[in-house]
Amino acid sequence: MELAKRVQTLTPSSTLAITAMANALKAEGHDVIGLGAGEPDFNTPAHILEAAKEAMDKGYTKYTPSGGVPALKEAIVHKYKQDNDLTYETNQVIVTTGAKHALYTLFQTLLDPGEEVIVPAPYWVSYPEQIKLAEGTPVFITTNEETNFKLTPDQLEASITDRTKAIIINSPSNPTGMLYSKEELAAIGAVCLRHNVMIVSDEIYEQLIYGDEQHTSIAQISNELKNITIVINGVSKSHAMTGWRIGYALGNEKVIKAMTNLASHSTSNPTTISQYAALAAYTSSQEKVEEMKEAFAERLERLYEWITAIPGVYCEKPKGAFYLFPNVREAVQANGFDSVDDWVKAILEEEKVALVPGSGFGSPDNVRLSYATSLDQLEEAATRINRFVQKHQS
């Protein structure tokens, strides 16, 4: 049976692949520490669980409008006004089956064959695959530790062609945890306005920022930038609701209407019960969100200290999300391995610690470590990685 070309070109998720290997070792009885998961280790807060149960008891188990229940769309509008000083109408919002589905639907809506989307690397693994599924072309711009993994306006300017349709901005970033400042976003936005390039602003980690840093949405900077920006967000990371699958997009009414029409023929509405749970997440106390954020901030400090003490491992300290993205090239070479991928596989086999190789994110010299697990587990993982590096020093 011949498969469609669109799926034959897909690259499997490196995150899911390493998680599958780790799970297989766990099933064999090994003590595996997984640092690959991109989800909080906390359960969904109790009041959100109660809201979901109440929704079921009230019979909110039927279809909803494809774009989401009006009350949740209103709550999203209120959240962006209160937290981000951005004003939207409910017809500029679509609720989707996770933020990933919002991105997928957006690319299907925007792209014609051969149109280009600029993707700064390192990037979240699904960006290029979703662009390809929409018959678009991902155009990668490499960033590194020297620019704190941030795209520069000059790099953007040099990459724009007459086929460029959009650029993706992910701040805070998965996998690097870096955060663009307002001034940096304004400079990038100026280039986009000059060349009529749309902006896809993935803000799924906006609630998880540490220290004195502040999140800025590029749509906040000016009405002109707001008009060419589609904001992507959701409750998965901020409220420990990954499995509930509720994301959303905000932006131009014409684009949102087209996305809604497409969703009506693909997924129909997001899960009704999950929508009412998300409604509670946005309209009730944010105390649990702050508690999770404090826990992540402490883990960041400790894990950063432990990981950067390992010979041959260098790391830019992230500002947000819950990942470290250290450069391990020197450690890999000193340990006698040909690639980071081989090194990561050996650490999993020998020390039972699951890391995600940076090749899946467009940065083959790095690895991604999630600190969405306990401090005890993080300390033990760092100890095992250090032991592996010291053991294999050549």
Protein backbone atom coordinates (compact mmCIF):
# COMPACT_ATOMS: atom_id res chain seq x y z
CA MET A 1 0.00 0.00 0.00
CA GLU A 2 1.52 3.31 -1.09
CA LEU A 3 1.38 6.11 1.45
CA ALA A 4 0.87 9.77 0.58
CA LYS A 5 4.07 11.70 -0.01
CA ARG A 6 3.15 14.19 2.72
CA VAL A 7 3.58 11.56 5.44
CA GLN A 8 6.55 9.81 3.88
CA THR A 9 8.71 12.88 4.51
CA LEU A 10 7.83 13.23 8.20
CA THR A 11 10.61 12.96 10.76
CA PRO A 12 9.62 11.05 13.92
CA SER A 13 9.60 13.09 17.12
CA SER A 14 12.94 12.69 18.92
CA THR A 15 11.18 13.44 22.20
CA LEU A 16 8.70 10.62 21.77
CA ALA A 17 11.41 8.27 20.52
CA ILE A 18 13.62 8.70 23.59
CA THR A 19 10.58 8.45 25.85
CA ALA A 20 9.63 5.15 24.20
CA MET A 21 13.14 3.76 24.78
CA ALA A 22 13.02 4.88 28.41
CA ASN A 23 9.61 3.30 28.92
CA ALA A 24 10.83 0.03 27.45
CA LEU A 25 13.72 -0.05 29.95
CA LYS A 26 11.32 0.77 32.79
CA ALA A 27 9.09 -2.11 31.72
CA GLU A 28 12.12 -4.39 32.07
CA GLY A 29 12.47 -3.25 35.68
CA HIS A 30 15.28 -0.69 35.31
CA ASP A 31 15.41 2.48 37.42
CA VAL A 32 15.15 5.02 34.62
CA ILE A 33 15.11 8.77 35.17
CA GLY A 34 13.33 10.48 32.32
CA LEU A 35 14.33 14.06 31.51
CA GLY A 36 12.62 14.03 28.13
CA ALA A 37 9.03 14.86 28.99
CA GLY A 38 7.70 18.26 28.03
CA GLU A 39 5.00 18.37 30.66
CA PRO A 40 4.71 19.40 34.31
CA ASP A 41 4.97 16.55 36.80
CA PHE A 42 2.20 18.08 38.91
CA ASN A 43 -1.38 16.89 38.69
CA THR A 44 -4.02 19.28 37.39
CA PRO A 45 -5.14 21.48 40.32
CA ALA A 46 -8.06 20.06 42.31
CA HIS A 47 -10.47 22.93 41.61
CA ILE A 48 -10.05 22.35 37.87
CA LEU A 49 -10.76 18.65 38.32
CA GLU A 50 -13.88 19.56 40.28
CA ALA A 51 -15.03 21.90 37.52
CA ALA A 52 -14.72 19.08 35.00
CA LYS A 53 -16.77 16.75 37.21
CA GLU A 54 -19.39 19.45 37.68
CA ALA A 55 -19.59 19.96 33.93
CA MET A 56 -20.26 16.27 33.44
CA ASP A 57 -22.91 16.26 36.18
CA LYS A 58 -24.64 19.19 34.48
CA GLY A 59 -24.72 17.33 31.19
CA TYR A 60 -22.08 19.39 29.40
CA THR A 61 -21.10 16.36 27.39
CA LYS A 62 -22.54 17.29 23.99
CA TYR A 63 -21.11 19.05 20.96
CA THR A 64 -20.06 22.68 21.27
CA PRO A 65 -19.36 25.20 18.48
CA SER A 66 -16.28 24.14 16.51
CA GLY A 67 -14.38 27.22 17.63
CA GLY A 68 -15.05 26.67 21.34
CA VAL A 69 -17.72 27.50 23.93
CA PRO A 70 -18.43 31.24 24.12
CA ALA A 71 -17.67 31.43 27.86
CA LEU A 72 -14.15 30.03 27.37
CA LYS A 73 -13.47 32.38 24.45
CA GLU A 74 -14.57 35.28 26.64
CA ALA A 75 -12.25 34.07 29.42
CA ILE A 76 -9.34 33.95 26.96
CA VAL A 77 -10.12 37.48 25.78
CA HIS A 78 -10.20 38.63 29.41
CA LYS A 79 -6.91 36.86 30.19
CA TYR A 80 -5.11 38.60 27.32
CA LYS A 81 -6.52 41.97 28.30
CA GLN A 82 -5.55 41.53 31.95
CA ASP A 83 -2.17 39.84 31.54
CA ASN A 84 -0.94 41.13 28.19
CA ASP A 85 -2.81 44.43 27.68
CA LEU A 86 -4.13 43.12 24.37
CA THR A 87 -7.72 43.62 23.28
CA TYR A 88 -9.44 40.94 21.19
CA GLU A 89 -13.05 40.12 20.35
CA THR A 90 -14.39 36.58 20.69
CA ASN A 91 -14.58 36.27 16.89
CA GLN A 92 -10.78 36.62 16.94
CA VAL A 93 -10.39 33.48 19.08
CA ILE A 94 -10.48 29.78 18.23
CA VAL A 95 -10.21 27.09 20.90
CA THR A 96 -8.40 24.02 19.62
CA THR A 97 -7.44 20.48 20.60
CA GLY A 98 -4.19 21.64 22.18
CA ALA A 99 -1.81 24.38 21.05
CA LYS A 100 -0.24 21.90 18.63
CA HIS A 101 -3.55 21.63 16.81
CA ALA A 102 -3.83 25.42 16.73
CA LEU A 103 -0.48 25.56 14.93
CA TYR A 104 -1.37 22.72 12.57
CA THR A 105 -4.69 24.33 11.65
CA LEU A 106 -3.03 27.72 11.17
CA PHE A 107 -0.43 26.39 8.73
CA GLN A 108 -3.11 24.50 6.80
CA THR A 109 -5.05 27.75 6.61
CA LEU A 110 -2.17 30.06 5.63
CA LEU A 111 0.13 28.14 3.32
CA ASP A 112 -0.05 27.35 -0.36
CA PRO A 113 2.45 24.92 -1.92
CA GLY A 114 6.01 26.26 -1.90
CA GLU A 115 5.39 29.18 0.43
CA GLU A 116 8.07 29.61 3.08
CA VAL A 117 7.97 29.90 6.84
CA ILE A 118 11.10 31.09 8.64
CA VAL A 119 11.95 28.85 11.59
CA PRO A 120 14.76 29.92 13.94
CA ALA A 121 16.82 26.96 15.13
CA PRO A 122 16.78 25.49 17.73
CA TYR A 123 13.08 24.92 17.17
CA TRP A 124 10.29 22.84 18.62
CA VAL A 125 10.30 19.56 16.72
CA SER A 126 6.81 19.84 15.21
CA TYR A 127 7.18 23.23 13.52
CA PRO A 128 8.95 22.03 10.35
CA GLU A 129 6.83 18.89 10.08
CA GLN A 130 3.58 20.84 10.28
CA ILE A 131 4.81 23.31 7.68
CA LYS A 132 5.70 20.44 5.35
CA LEU A 133 2.28 18.84 5.90
CA ALA A 134 0.75 22.09 4.67
CA GLU A 135 3.01 21.80 1.56
CA GLY A 136 5.04 24.76 2.73
CA THR A 137 8.80 24.99 3.05
CA PRO A 138 10.53 25.54 6.40
CA VAL A 139 13.50 27.91 6.10
CA PHE A 140 15.88 27.47 9.03
CA ILE A 141 17.98 30.24 10.54
CA THR A 142 20.65 28.90 12.87
CA THR A 143 21.19 30.59 16.21
CA ASN A 144 23.58 29.53 18.96
CA GLU A 145 24.95 30.35 22.38
CA GLU A 146 26.72 33.48 21.08
CA THR A 147 23.37 35.18 20.41
CA ASN A 148 21.66 33.44 23.36
CA PHE A 149 19.77 31.39 20.77
CA LYS A 150 17.99 34.48 19.46
CA LEU A 151 17.34 35.46 15.89
CA THR A 152 18.79 38.83 14.83
CA PRO A 153 17.03 41.30 12.51
CA ASP A 154 19.91 41.03 10.04
CA GLN A 155 19.55 37.24 9.88
CA LEU A 156 15.82 37.61 9.29
CA GLU A 157 16.30 40.24 6.59
CA ALA A 158 18.76 38.02 4.73
CA SER A 159 16.38 35.04 4.77
CA ILE A 160 13.28 36.71 3.38
CA THR A 161 12.36 35.92 -0.24
CA ASP A 162 9.33 36.62 -2.40
CA ARG A 163 7.94 33.27 -1.18
CA THR A 164 8.19 34.11 2.55
CA LYS A 165 4.76 33.97 4.19
CA ALA A 166 5.49 33.90 7.93
CA ILE A 167 8.00 33.58 10.73
CA ILE A 168 7.66 31.64 13.98
CA ILE A 169 8.62 33.32 17.25
CA ASN A 170 8.63 31.03 20.31
CA SER A 171 9.30 32.98 23.51
CA PRO A 172 9.99 31.54 26.04
CA SER A 173 11.49 28.87 23.84
CA ASN A 174 11.27 25.12 23.73
CA PRO A 175 14.00 23.81 23.82
CA THR A 176 16.30 26.64 24.99
CA GLY A 177 14.20 28.52 27.54
CA MET A 178 15.43 31.82 26.08
CA LEU A 179 13.21 34.91 26.16
CA TYR A 180 13.09 37.81 23.69
CA SER A 181 13.03 41.31 25.16
CA LYS A 182 10.53 43.93 24.02
CA GLU A 183 13.30 45.77 22.15
CA GLU A 184 14.42 42.61 20.35
CA LEU A 185 10.86 41.80 19.32
CA ALA A 186 10.31 45.34 18.09
CA ALA A 187 13.38 45.09 15.84
CA ILE A 188 12.23 41.75 14.41
CA GLY A 189 8.72 43.12 13.99
CA ALA A 190 10.00 46.09 12.02
CA VAL A 191 11.54 43.72 9.46
CA CYS A 192 8.29 41.74 9.23
CA LEU A 193 6.26 44.89 8.65
CA ARG A 194 8.67 46.11 5.99
CA HIS A 195 8.34 42.85 4.04
CA ASN A 196 4.69 42.02 4.86
CA VAL A 197 5.63 38.80 6.70
CA MET A 198 3.09 37.32 9.09
CA ILE A 199 4.17 36.41 12.63
CA VAL A 200 3.24 33.22 14.44
CA SER A 201 3.87 33.92 18.13
CA ASP A 202 3.96 30.68 20.14
CA GLU A 203 3.49 31.79 23.75
CA ILE A 204 2.67 28.45 25.40
CA TYR A 205 5.33 28.97 28.12
CA GLU A 206 4.52 32.62 28.88
CA GLN A 207 3.43 31.86 32.47
CA LEU A 208 6.69 30.04 33.23
CA ILE A 209 9.28 32.83 33.46
CA TYR A 210 11.71 33.14 36.35
CA GLY A 211 13.47 35.92 38.22
CA ASP A 212 12.69 39.51 37.29
CA GLU A 213 12.13 38.80 33.60
CA GLN A 214 8.83 39.76 32.00
CA HIS A 215 7.07 38.22 29.04
CA THR A 216 6.26 40.45 26.08
CA SER A 217 4.01 39.34 23.25
CA ILE A 218 5.14 40.80 19.94
CA ALA A 219 1.47 41.69 19.39
CA GLN A 220 1.70 44.13 22.32
CA ILE A 221 4.27 46.37 20.68
CA SER A 222 2.01 48.10 18.16
CA ASN A 223 -1.36 47.78 16.46
CA GLU A 224 0.48 47.21 13.19
CA LEU A 225 2.28 44.19 14.63
CA LYS A 226 -0.86 42.92 16.32
CA ASN A 227 -2.62 42.94 12.95
CA ILE A 228 -0.06 40.61 11.36
CA THR A 229 0.41 38.32 14.38
CA ILE A 230 -1.41 35.12 15.25
CA VAL A 231 -0.85 34.29 18.93
CA ILE A 232 -0.78 30.63 19.98
CA ASN A 233 -1.28 29.59 23.59
CA GLY A 234 -3.04 27.09 25.85
CA VAL A 235 -3.41 25.73 29.37
CA SER A 236 -1.21 22.64 29.02
CA LYS A 237 2.01 23.97 30.53
CA SER A 238 0.71 26.76 32.76
CA HIS A 239 -1.97 24.72 34.54
CA ALA A 240 -0.55 21.18 34.27
CA MET A 241 -3.27 20.20 31.80
CA THR A 242 -1.31 18.54 28.99
CA GLY A 243 -3.71 15.62 28.64
CA TRP A 244 -6.81 17.80 28.54
CA ARG A 245 -5.79 19.10 25.09
CA ILE A 246 -6.96 22.70 25.15
CA GLY A 247 -5.09 25.34 23.20
CA TYR A 248 -6.15 28.40 21.27
CA ALA A 249 -5.22 31.01 18.70
CA LEU A 250 -5.95 34.74 18.66
CA GLY A 251 -5.63 37.16 15.78
CA ASN A 252 -7.03 38.42 12.51
CA GLU A 253 -10.75 37.66 12.26
CA LYS A 254 -10.47 36.37 8.68
CA VAL A 255 -7.73 33.90 9.62
CA ILE A 256 -9.55 32.71 12.76
CA LYS A 257 -12.79 32.20 10.80
CA ALA A 258 -10.94 30.10 8.21
CA MET A 259 -9.27 28.06 10.96
CA THR A 260 -12.68 27.49 12.56
CA ASN A 261 -14.16 26.32 9.26
CA LEU A 262 -11.27 23.92 8.81
CA ALA A 263 -11.65 22.59 12.35
CA SER A 264 -15.33 21.95 11.71
CA HIS A 265 -14.30 19.41 9.06
CA SER A 266 -11.40 17.86 10.95
CA THR A 267 -11.77 17.62 14.72
CA SER A 268 -15.08 19.45 15.20
CA ASN A 269 -15.05 20.93 18.73
CA PRO A 270 -12.34 20.35 21.34
CA THR A 271 -13.49 18.00 24.11
CA THR A 272 -16.43 19.68 25.84
CA ILE A 273 -15.47 18.66 29.38
CA SER A 274 -11.91 19.87 28.84
CA GLN A 275 -13.21 23.25 27.72
CA TYR A 276 -15.10 23.71 30.98
CA ALA A 277 -12.01 22.63 32.90
CA ALA A 278 -9.99 25.27 31.00
CA LEU A 279 -12.67 27.82 31.79
CA ALA A 280 -12.14 27.13 35.49
CA ALA A 281 -8.37 27.36 34.99
CA TYR A 282 -8.71 30.93 33.69
CA THR A 283 -11.52 32.21 35.91
CA SER A 284 -10.46 30.89 39.33
CA SER A 285 -7.46 31.30 41.64
CA GLN A 286 -3.98 31.20 40.05
CA GLU A 287 -2.35 30.20 43.34
CA LYS A 288 -1.43 26.70 42.13
CA VAL A 289 0.13 28.16 38.98
CA GLU A 290 2.40 30.31 41.16
CA GLU A 291 3.31 27.31 43.33
CA MET A 292 4.34 25.30 40.27
CA LYS A 293 6.31 28.25 38.95
CA GLU A 294 8.20 28.56 42.25
CA ALA A 295 9.04 24.86 42.18
CA PHE A 296 10.33 25.11 38.60
CA ALA A 297 12.43 28.17 39.49
CA GLU A 298 14.13 26.26 42.31
CA ARG A 299 14.75 23.25 40.09
CA LEU A 300 16.27 25.47 37.43
CA GLU A 301 18.77 26.94 39.88
CA ARG A 302 19.85 23.59 41.25
CA LEU A 303 19.97 21.64 38.00
CA TYR A 304 21.85 24.42 36.23
CA GLU A 305 24.49 24.29 38.97
CA TRP A 306 24.82 20.51 38.79
CA ILE A 307 24.89 20.24 34.99
CA THR A 308 27.40 23.05 34.37
CA ALA A 309 29.78 21.39 36.84
CA ILE A 310 30.15 18.40 34.48
CA PRO A 311 33.36 18.56 32.37
CA GLY A 312 32.76 19.55 28.75
CA VAL A 313 29.17 20.71 29.33
CA TYR A 314 28.30 24.38 28.77
CA CYS A 315 24.90 25.97 29.12
CA GLU A 316 23.22 29.34 28.62
CA LYS A 317 20.98 29.85 31.63
CA PRO A 318 17.35 29.89 30.49
CA LYS A 319 14.80 32.53 31.47
CA GLY A 320 11.65 30.44 31.13
CA ALA A 321 9.92 27.15 30.23
CA PHE A 322 11.31 24.07 32.04
CA TYR A 323 14.29 22.95 29.98
CA LEU A 324 18.06 23.24 29.96
CA PHE A 325 19.72 23.05 26.54
CA PRO A 326 23.43 22.56 27.24
CA ASN A 327 26.12 22.25 24.59
CA VAL A 328 27.83 18.89 25.16
CA ARG A 329 30.12 18.77 22.13
CA GLU A 330 33.34 18.75 24.19
CA ALA A 331 32.06 16.05 26.53
CA VAL A 332 30.96 13.91 23.59
CA GLN A 333 34.35 14.22 21.91
CA ALA A 334 36.23 13.57 25.14
CA ASN A 335 34.11 10.46 25.68
CA GLY A 336 35.00 9.14 22.23
CA PHE A 337 31.56 9.25 20.62
CA ASP A 338 30.89 10.25 17.02
CA SER A 339 27.69 12.16 17.73
CA VAL A 340 25.52 13.54 20.50
CA ASP A 341 22.82 11.07 19.47
CA ASP A 342 25.16 8.13 20.14
CA TRP A 343 26.25 9.68 23.44
CA VAL A 344 22.65 10.14 24.60
CA LYS A 345 21.79 6.57 23.68
CA ALA A 346 24.80 5.28 25.63
CA ILE A 347 23.85 7.31 28.72
CA LEU A 348 20.37 5.81 28.61
CA GLU A 349 21.72 2.29 28.24
CA GLU A 350 24.47 2.56 30.87
CA GLU A 351 23.16 5.05 33.42
CA LYS A 352 19.43 4.84 32.72
CA VAL A 353 18.98 8.60 32.23
CA ALA A 354 16.85 9.71 29.28
CA LEU A 355 17.92 12.96 27.56
CA VAL A 356 16.70 14.28 24.21
CA PRO A 357 19.41 14.85 21.57
CA GLY A 358 19.50 18.34 20.10
CA SER A 359 19.51 17.06 16.52
CA GLY A 360 15.72 16.84 16.64
CA PHE A 361 15.63 20.56 17.43
CA GLY A 362 18.10 21.57 14.74
CA SER A 363 21.09 21.83 17.14
CA PRO A 364 23.18 18.63 16.95
CA ASP A 365 25.73 19.77 19.58
CA ASN A 366 23.15 20.12 22.34
CA VAL A 367 20.82 18.05 24.48
CA ARG A 368 17.52 18.99 26.08
CA LEU A 369 16.90 18.21 29.74
CA SER A 370 13.47 18.76 31.23
CA TYR A 371 13.40 19.76 34.89
CA ALA A 372 9.72 18.91 35.20
CA THR A 373 10.52 16.27 37.81
CA SER A 374 11.54 16.23 41.48
CA LEU A 375 14.76 17.73 42.82
CA ASP A 376 15.85 14.33 44.11
CA GLN A 377 15.45 12.84 40.64
CA LEU A 378 17.25 15.77 39.03
CA GLU A 379 20.20 15.47 41.42
CA GLU A 380 20.46 11.75 40.84
CA ALA A 381 20.27 12.25 37.07
CA ALA A 382 23.07 14.83 37.16
CA THR A 383 25.16 12.48 39.31
CA ARG A 384 24.72 9.65 36.81
CA ILE A 385 25.54 11.84 33.80
CA ASN A 386 28.66 13.13 35.53
CA ARG A 387 29.69 9.57 36.39
CA PHE A 388 29.25 8.56 32.75
CA VAL A 389 31.34 11.49 31.49
CA GLN A 390 34.14 10.86 33.99
CA LYS A 391 34.15 7.11 33.24
CA HIS A 392 34.50 7.60 29.50
CA GLN A 393 37.12 10.37 29.55
CA SER A 394 39.77 9.51 26.99
